[in-house]
């Protein structure tokens, strides 16, 4: 009887620890994805600003040459 209880406790403990590990991994992945999305957003803004500055420079060069 004791072995059966030990097996039951071991199995339940493994499940609880496994679920906790999966939740932690999920949070880590979600944080990583949010950081990557933020980096993508920043890169798009930098690209837009660069294009606007290049266009402005081109227009100024064309007008004042």
PDB file of N, CA and C in Angstrom:
ATOM      1  N   UNK A   1       0.825  -1.191   0.000  1.00  0.00           N
ATOM      2  CA  UNK A   1       0.000   0.000   0.000  1.00  0.00           C
ATOM      3  C   UNK A   1       0.868   1.253   0.000  1.00  0.00           C
ATOM      4  N   UNK A   2       1.942   1.234   0.737  1.00  0.00           N
ATOM      5  CA  UNK A   2       2.830   2.382   0.834  1.00  0.00           C
ATOM      6  C   UNK A   2       3.466   2.697  -0.517  1.00  0.00           C
ATOM      7  N   UNK A   3       3.835   1.678  -1.264  1.00  0.00           N
ATOM      8  CA  UNK A   3       4.438   1.877  -2.580  1.00  0.00           C
ATOM      9  C   UNK A   3       3.452   2.540  -3.534  1.00  0.00           C
ATOM     10  N   UNK A   4       2.214   2.144  -3.480  1.00  0.00           N
ATOM     11  CA  UNK A   4       1.194   2.740  -4.328  1.00  0.00           C
ATOM     12  C   UNK A   4       1.016   4.227  -3.998  1.00  0.00           C
ATOM     13  N   UNK A   5       1.001   4.543  -2.727  1.00  0.00           N
ATOM     14  CA  UNK A   5       0.884   5.946  -2.321  1.00  0.00           C
ATOM     15  C   UNK A   5       2.108   6.735  -2.754  1.00  0.00           C
ATOM     16  N   UNK A   6       3.287   6.143  -2.606  1.00  0.00           N
ATOM     17  CA  UNK A   6       4.517   6.809  -3.032  1.00  0.00           C
ATOM     18  C   UNK A   6       4.502   7.063  -4.539  1.00  0.00           C
ATOM     19  N   UNK A   7       4.053   6.077  -5.288  1.00  0.00           N
ATOM     20  CA  UNK A   7       3.963   6.242  -6.741  1.00  0.00           C
ATOM     21  C   UNK A   7       2.975   7.354  -7.096  1.00  0.00           C
ATOM     22  N   UNK A   8       1.857   7.361  -6.392  1.00  0.00           N
ATOM     23  CA  UNK A   8       0.837   8.391  -6.633  1.00  0.00           C
ATOM     24  C   UNK A   8       1.392   9.784  -6.346  1.00  0.00           C
ATOM     25  N   UNK A   9       2.069   9.922  -5.205  1.00  0.00           N
ATOM     26  CA  UNK A   9       2.647  11.210  -4.817  1.00  0.00           C
ATOM     27  C   UNK A   9       3.716  11.624  -5.818  1.00  0.00           C
ATOM     28  N   UNK A  10       4.564  10.679  -6.208  1.00  0.00           N
ATOM     29  CA  UNK A  10       5.614  10.974  -7.193  1.00  0.00           C
ATOM     30  C   UNK A  10       5.013  11.442  -8.520  1.00  0.00           C
ATOM     31  N   UNK A  11       3.990  10.755  -8.973  1.00  0.00           N
ATOM     32  CA  UNK A  11       3.330  11.111 -10.240  1.00  0.00           C
ATOM     33  C   UNK A  11       2.695  12.489 -10.164  1.00  0.00           C
ATOM     34  N   UNK A  12       1.975  12.759  -9.080  1.00  0.00           N
ATOM     35  CA  UNK A  12       1.340  14.081  -8.917  1.00  0.00           C
ATOM     36  C   UNK A  12       2.395  15.182  -8.822  1.00  0.00           C
ATOM     37  N   UNK A  13       3.469  14.912  -8.091  1.00  0.00           N
ATOM     38  CA  UNK A  13       4.539  15.898  -7.963  1.00  0.00           C
ATOM     39  C   UNK A  13       5.159  16.182  -9.326  1.00  0.00           C
ATOM     40  N   UNK A  14       5.391  15.131 -10.092  1.00  0.00           N
ATOM     41  CA  UNK A  14       5.964  15.298 -11.435  1.00  0.00           C
ATOM     42  C   UNK A  14       5.040  16.128 -12.324  1.00  0.00           C
ATOM     43  N   UNK A  15       3.758  15.885 -12.218  1.00  0.00           N
ATOM     44  CA  UNK A  15       2.789  16.657 -13.017  1.00  0.00           C
ATOM     45  C   UNK A  15       2.798  18.132 -12.621  1.00  0.00           C
ATOM     46  N   UNK A  16       2.795  18.390 -11.320  1.00  0.00           N
ATOM     47  CA  UNK A  16       2.785  19.774 -10.839  1.00  0.00           C
ATOM     48  C   UNK A  16       4.052  20.496 -11.270  1.00  0.00           C
ATOM     49  N   UNK A  17       5.188  19.841 -11.086  1.00  0.00           N
ATOM     50  CA  UNK A  17       6.464  20.444 -11.479  1.00  0.00           C
ATOM     51  C   UNK A  17       6.509  20.636 -12.998  1.00  0.00           C
ATOM     52  N   UNK A  18       6.010  19.667 -13.732  1.00  0.00           N
ATOM     53  CA  UNK A  18       5.979  19.771 -15.199  1.00  0.00           C
ATOM     54  C   UNK A  18       5.121  20.930 -15.658  1.00  0.00           C
ATOM     55  N   UNK A  19       3.966  21.097 -15.068  1.00  0.00           N
ATOM     56  CA  UNK A  19       3.074  22.209 -15.425  1.00  0.00           C
ATOM     57  C   UNK A  19       3.726  23.545 -15.090  1.00  0.00           C
ATOM     58  N   UNK A  20       4.373  23.614 -13.942  1.00  0.00           N
ATOM     59  CA  UNK A  20       5.051  24.855 -13.551  1.00  0.00           C
ATOM     60  C   UNK A  20       6.179  25.185 -14.533  1.00  0.00           C
ATOM     61  N   UNK A  21       6.906  24.165 -14.939  1.00  0.00           N
ATOM     62  CA  UNK A  21       7.995  24.380 -15.894  1.00  0.00           C
ATOM     63  C   UNK A  21       7.445  24.853 -17.239  1.00  0.00           C
ATOM     64  N   UNK A  22       6.344  24.273 -17.683  1.00  0.00           N
ATOM     65  CA  UNK A  22       5.732  24.686 -18.943  1.00  0.00           C
ATOM     66  C   UNK A  22       5.214  26.120 -18.869  1.00  0.00           C
ATOM     67  N   UNK A  23       4.592  26.483 -17.745  1.00  0.00           N
ATOM     68  CA  UNK A  23       4.122  27.862 -17.578  1.00  0.00           C
ATOM     69  C   UNK A  23       5.283  28.841 -17.601  1.00  0.00           C
ATOM     70  N   UNK A  24       6.368  28.486 -16.934  1.00  0.00           N
ATOM     71  CA  UNK A  24       7.549  29.360 -16.906  1.00  0.00           C
ATOM     72  C   UNK A  24       8.140  29.499 -18.307  1.00  0.00           C
ATOM     73  N   UNK A  25       8.252  28.397 -19.023  1.00  0.00           N
ATOM     74  CA  UNK A  25       8.776  28.441 -20.388  1.00  0.00           C
ATOM     75  C   UNK A  25       7.865  29.286 -21.275  1.00  0.00           C
ATOM     76  N   UNK A  26       6.570  29.152 -21.096  1.00  0.00           N
ATOM     77  CA  UNK A  26       5.625  29.935 -21.881  1.00  0.00           C
ATOM     78  C   UNK A  26       5.804  31.431 -21.624  1.00  0.00           C
ATOM     79  N   UNK A  27       5.972  31.799 -20.346  1.00  0.00           N
ATOM     80  CA  UNK A  27       6.196  33.215 -20.015  1.00  0.00           C
ATOM     81  C   UNK A  27       7.493  33.731 -20.632  1.00  0.00           C
ATOM     82  N   UNK A  28       8.530  32.919 -20.601  1.00  0.00           N
ATOM     83  CA  UNK A  28       9.811  33.322 -21.191  1.00  0.00           C
ATOM     84  C   UNK A  28       9.649  33.544 -22.684  1.00  0.00           C
ATOM     85  N   UNK A  29       8.956  32.648 -23.355  1.00  0.00           N
ATOM     86  CA  UNK A  29       8.747  32.771 -24.801  1.00  0.00           C
ATOM     87  C   UNK A  29       7.890  33.989 -25.117  1.00  0.00           C
ATOM     88  N   UNK A  30       6.841  34.225 -24.336  1.00  0.00           N
ATOM     89  CA  UNK A  30       5.987  35.395 -24.575  1.00  0.00           C
ATOM     90  C   UNK A  30       6.768  36.685 -24.386  1.00  0.00           C
ATOM     91  N   UNK A  31       7.631  36.741 -23.379  1.00  0.00           N
ATOM     92  CA  UNK A  31       8.470  37.920 -23.164  1.00  0.00           C
ATOM     93  C   UNK A  31       9.416  38.124 -24.334  1.00  0.00           C
ATOM     94  N   UNK A  32      10.028  37.044 -24.795  1.00  0.00           N
ATOM     95  CA  UNK A  32      10.941  37.109 -25.931  1.00  0.00           C
ATOM     96  C   UNK A  32      10.204  37.597 -27.191  1.00  0.00           C
ATOM     97  N   UNK A  33       9.012  37.081 -27.430  1.00  0.00           N
ATOM     98  CA  UNK A  33       8.241  37.499 -28.601  1.00  0.00           C
ATOM     99  C   UNK A  33       7.867  38.974 -28.508  1.00  0.00           C
ATOM    100  N   UNK A  34       7.495  39.437 -27.338  1.00  0.00           N
ATOM    101  CA  UNK A  34       7.155  40.850 -27.155  1.00  0.00           C
ATOM    102  C   UNK A  34       8.376  41.728 -27.416  1.00  0.00           C
ATOM    103  N   UNK A  35       9.539  41.304 -26.950  1.00  0.00           N
ATOM    104  CA  UNK A  35      10.769  42.061 -27.196  1.00  0.00           C
ATOM    105  C   UNK A  35      11.092  42.107 -28.689  1.00  0.00           C
ATOM    106  N   UNK A  36      10.917  40.992 -29.365  1.00  0.00           N
ATOM    107  CA  UNK A  36      11.187  40.945 -30.810  1.00  0.00           C
ATOM    108  C   UNK A  36      10.210  41.843 -31.575  1.00  0.00           C
ATOM    109  N   UNK A  37       8.948  41.850 -31.162  1.00  0.00           N
ATOM    110  CA  UNK A  37       7.965  42.724 -31.809  1.00  0.00           C
ATOM    111  C   UNK A  37       8.318  44.189 -31.595  1.00  0.00           C
ATOM    112  N   UNK A  38       8.797  44.522 -30.400  1.00  0.00           N
ATOM    113  CA  UNK A  38       9.213  45.899 -30.114  1.00  0.00           C
ATOM    114  C   UNK A  38      10.419  46.288 -30.970  1.00  0.00           C
ATOM    115  N   UNK A  39      11.370  45.374 -31.121  1.00  0.00           N
ATOM    116  CA  UNK A  39      12.537  45.638 -31.964  1.00  0.00           C
ATOM    117  C   UNK A  39      12.107  45.855 -33.417  1.00  0.00           C
ATOM    118  N   UNK A  40      11.157  45.072 -33.880  1.00  0.00           N
ATOM    119  CA  UNK A  40      10.651  45.222 -35.246  1.00  0.00           C
ATOM    120  C   UNK A  40       9.984  46.576 -35.424  1.00  0.00           C
ATOM    121  N   UNK A  41       9.193  46.980 -34.434  1.00  0.00           N
ATOM    122  CA  UNK A  41       8.523  48.277 -34.492  1.00  0.00           C
ATOM    123  C   UNK A  41       9.545  49.413 -34.533  1.00  0.00           C
ATOM    124  N   UNK A  42      10.558  49.334 -33.709  1.00  0.00           N
ATOM    125  CA  UNK A  42      11.599  50.359 -33.686  1.00  0.00           C
ATOM    126  C   UNK A  42      12.346  50.392 -35.022  1.00  0.00           C
ATOM    127  N   UNK A  43      12.664  49.226 -35.570  1.00  0.00           N
ATOM    128  CA  UNK A  43      13.364  49.160 -36.850  1.00  0.00           C
ATOM    129  C   UNK A  43      12.529  49.803 -37.970  1.00  0.00           C
ATOM    130  N   UNK A  44      11.229  49.591 -37.939  1.00  0.00           N
ATOM    131  CA  UNK A  44      10.352  50.204 -38.948  1.00  0.00           C
ATOM    132  C   UNK A  44      10.358  51.717 -38.817  1.00  0.00           C
ATOM    133  N   UNK A  45      10.341  52.210 -37.586  1.00  0.00           N
ATOM    134  CA  UNK A  45      10.379  53.653 -37.381  1.00  0.00           C
ATOM    135  C   UNK A  45      11.716  54.239 -37.857  1.00  0.00           C
ATOM    136  N   UNK A  46      12.800  53.552 -37.560  1.00  0.00           N
ATOM    137  CA  UNK A  46      14.114  54.019 -38.003  1.00  0.00           C
ATOM    138  C   UNK A  46      14.172  54.036 -39.529  1.00  0.00           C
ATOM    139  N   UNK A  47      13.643  53.012 -40.171  1.00  0.00           N
ATOM    140  CA  UNK A  47      13.623  52.962 -41.632  1.00  0.00           C
ATOM    141  C   UNK A  47      12.803  54.111 -42.202  1.00  0.00           C
ATOM    142  N   UNK A  48      11.643  54.372 -41.625  1.00  0.00           N
ATOM    143  CA  UNK A  48      10.792  55.460 -42.098  1.00  0.00           C
ATOM    144  C   UNK A  48      11.494  56.815 -41.956  1.00  0.00           C
ATOM    145  N   UNK A  49      12.119  57.035 -40.816  1.00  0.00           N
ATOM    146  CA  UNK A  49      12.836  58.296 -40.599  1.00  0.00           C
ATOM    147  C   UNK A  49      13.988  58.425 -41.579  1.00  0.00           C
ATOM    148  N   UNK A  50      14.713  57.347 -41.804  1.00  0.00           N
ATOM    149  CA  UNK A  50      15.827  57.366 -42.758  1.00  0.00           C
ATOM    150  C   UNK A  50      15.328  57.685 -44.162  1.00  0.00           C
ATOM    151  N   UNK A  51      14.227  57.070 -44.563  1.00  0.00           N
ATOM    152  CA  UNK A  51      13.671  57.339 -45.896  1.00  0.00           C
ATOM    153  C   UNK A  51      13.212  58.794 -46.022  1.00  0.00           C
ATOM    154  N   UNK A  52      12.585  59.312 -44.978  1.00  0.00           N
ATOM    155  CA  UNK A  52      12.139  60.709 -44.999  1.00  0.00           C
ATOM    156  C   UNK A  52      13.329  61.667 -45.081  1.00  0.00           C
ATOM    157  N   UNK A  53      14.381  61.381 -44.327  1.00  0.00           N
ATOM    158  CA  UNK A  53      15.569  62.229 -44.390  1.00  0.00           C
ATOM    159  C   UNK A  53      16.241  62.153 -45.758  1.00  0.00           C
ATOM    160  N   UNK A  54      16.298  60.967 -46.329  1.00  0.00           N
ATOM    161  CA  UNK A  54      16.889  60.809 -47.659  1.00  0.00           C
ATOM    162  C   UNK A  54      16.060  61.555 -48.703  1.00  0.00           C
ATOM    163  N   UNK A  55      14.739  61.439 -48.615  1.00  0.00           N
ATOM    164  CA  UNK A  55      13.874  62.150 -49.563  1.00  0.00           C
ATOM    165  C   UNK A  55      14.026  63.662 -49.393  1.00  0.00           C
ATOM    166  N   UNK A  56      14.075  64.122 -48.141  1.00  0.00           N
ATOM    167  CA  UNK A  56      14.256  65.556 -47.895  1.00  0.00           C
ATOM    168  C   UNK A  56      15.595  66.031 -48.435  1.00  0.00           C
ATOM    169  N   UNK A  57      16.630  65.241 -48.212  1.00  0.00           N
ATOM    170  CA  UNK A  57      17.959  65.582 -48.739  1.00  0.00           C
ATOM    171  C   UNK A  57      17.963  65.618 -50.261  1.00  0.00           C
ATOM    172  N   UNK A  58      17.284  64.678 -50.874  1.00  0.00           N
ATOM    173  CA  UNK A  58      17.207  64.648 -52.336  1.00  0.00           C
ATOM    174  C   UNK A  58      16.479  65.860 -52.888  1.00  0.00           C
ATOM    175  N   UNK A  59      15.390  66.221 -52.235  1.00  0.00           N
ATOM    176  CA  UNK A  59      14.623  67.397 -52.669  1.00  0.00           C
ATOM    177  C   UNK A  59      15.453  68.665 -52.500  1.00  0.00           C
ATOM    178  N   UNK A  60      16.126  68.799 -51.362  1.00  0.00           N
ATOM    179  CA  UNK A  60      16.981  69.976 -51.135  1.00  0.00           C
ATOM    180  C   UNK A  60      18.111  70.033 -52.146  1.00  0.00           C
ATOM    181  N   UNK A  61      18.714  68.898 -52.420  1.00  0.00           N
ATOM    182  CA  UNK A  61      19.796  68.857 -53.394  1.00  0.00           C
ATOM    183  C   UNK A  61      19.277  69.271 -54.776  1.00  0.00           C
ATOM    184  N   UNK A  62      18.108  68.777 -55.150  1.00  0.00           N
ATOM    185  CA  UNK A  62      17.521  69.104 -56.440  1.00  0.00           C
ATOM    186  C   UNK A  62      17.157  70.596 -56.538  1.00  0.00           C
ATOM    187  N   UNK A  63      16.611  71.159 -55.464  1.00  0.00           N
ATOM    188  CA  UNK A  63      16.174  72.547 -55.478  1.00  0.00           C
ATOM    189  C   UNK A  63      17.337  73.530 -55.398  1.00  0.00           C
ATOM    190  N   UNK A  64      18.379  73.215 -54.665  1.00  0.00           N
ATOM    191  CA  UNK A  64      19.438  74.180 -54.395  1.00  0.00           C
ATOM    192  C   UNK A  64      20.757  73.831 -55.081  1.00  0.00           C
ATOM    193  N   UNK A  65      20.764  73.096 -56.145  1.00  0.00           N
ATOM    194  CA  UNK A  65      22.023  72.795 -56.801  1.00  0.00           C
ATOM    195  C   UNK A  65      22.482  73.851 -57.703  1.00  0.00           C
TER     196      UNK A  65
END
